[in-house]
Structures are given as structure tokens and as C-alpha cells.
Amino acid sequence: MLVLLIEDHRLLAETISDYLLSENLEVDYAATGLQGLELATQNTYDALILDINLPDIDGFTVCQRLRQQYGLDVPILMLTARDQLQDRLQGFAQGADDYLVKPFANQELVARLQALVKRNRGQVVNKRISLGDLTVDTGTQQVWRAGQEVVLSPTSFKILRILMREAPAIVSREALQNEVWGSDTPDTDALRSHLYNLRKALNQPNQAELIQTVKGVGFKLLAY
């Protein structure tokens, strides 16, 4: 999981970052709202931790711009020392997904982040989802096409699940690699190899190609 932390209190930011790293979560850091906006719109994150009281533009404004101006649906967890209902309601109104009041336990912060990311990825409950003649069971990691079971490796299943979740939108190569491998992306062109194997497994004779390569942009899953 790659998280963007937007927090102007450097000591608190270091404490949060160190704990997230100890839990195997990667962290990018911004000390101001404008820096956070720049990072959030230039990179792909699994979640944002956003403080309200920032030195330039406040967290409410950052959240509003990310949702309305840039159309980002990344989960946003807001941090604040304000324990007033009106502040929490304002945060939710601007597009925040969750709210944590300072001081808080780092364990709760991580638990809330993980819950938000799972919900955003459609992994809250085990269920079957379908797109055209393709069906995926996110609990058992089984796949069927036109009623016939398709056997996939764990990595191929993860790639398919991401493409299916985002369909019909295009998923960039960078976003796909980041979600599958994080910062441990293999040096070789592993994505190309896994996509080849995935296509081979999904496309039996006389079946249409499900995964389309959009040259220079990324990949998308088509429904038939």
C-alpha cells in the first residue's frame, strides 16, 4: 500500500511515517496543502492521510479540489485536533471517507486505512462479480469465462481483478505495476509476461480478446 501523508507538524509526520513503514506501508510526505495537491495529482496512491490545519490551504480545500477539480476517488482519511461535529460534517461534505481526531493510536490509523482501501477496491466481502461473460469470485480467487473455469496464477488474478474493478476505464502501466508490486517491481518486464499468460488463459479458441492495450496509455478490460 502506498500512502500520501499531508501533515505540517514534522514530528508527528515522522512518527506516523515510521509506524506506517514498520507495518510495511510505503509513505510519501507533503508538509503543505499545495505540495499535497501536487503529489496526489501526479502519482497514484492507495490512500491519503490529510491534516485539516495546514499552513497554506486547509485540508477541507485540498479534499474539495481533489474530488471536484481533479475527480480523484482515492480514499481520504482526515486528521484533526478539532472534535466538533460541524468540523467532521464539513470534512465528509468535501469528500472525506473517514475522520480521526488527534491524539490517536497508530494501530487504529492503520486499521482505518486498510479498511478504506479494501472498501475502495471492492474487497470488503467475498463475492462474485461479473463483466460480460467473465465472472470472478474475489473470495476464492476463481475465474470463469462463458461458464468455463479459468485457472490463473495469483499475480495474474490480481491483474485481472484490478482491470475488472476499473473497467471500462484504462489502467496505466505505472498504476498497474504499483498496485501489483509496489516499489518491488521486478527489473524484467514482468507485467508484459503476466499479461501474456493472462490473455492466453482467458482467450480460448473462437473467443474475443478481453484485454485491450491502449498504446502509450495502458490497458483496459472489454465486456462481451
Foldseek 3Di string as FASTA:
>chain_A
DEEEEAAQPVVVVVVLQVVCVVVVYHYDYHNALVVSLVDPLVDDGQEYEAEQDGDPHGRLVSLLCVCPVVNDLRAYEYEYQDPDPVVVVSSVVSPHDYYDHPPDDSVVVVVVSVCRSCVLLVNPDFDWDDFAQWIATSPVRWIDGVRHTFDADPLLSLLVSVQVSPPPDFDFPNNSQCVSPNPPRDPPPVVVVSVVVSQVRRDDPPRDGQWDADPPGGIHGHHD
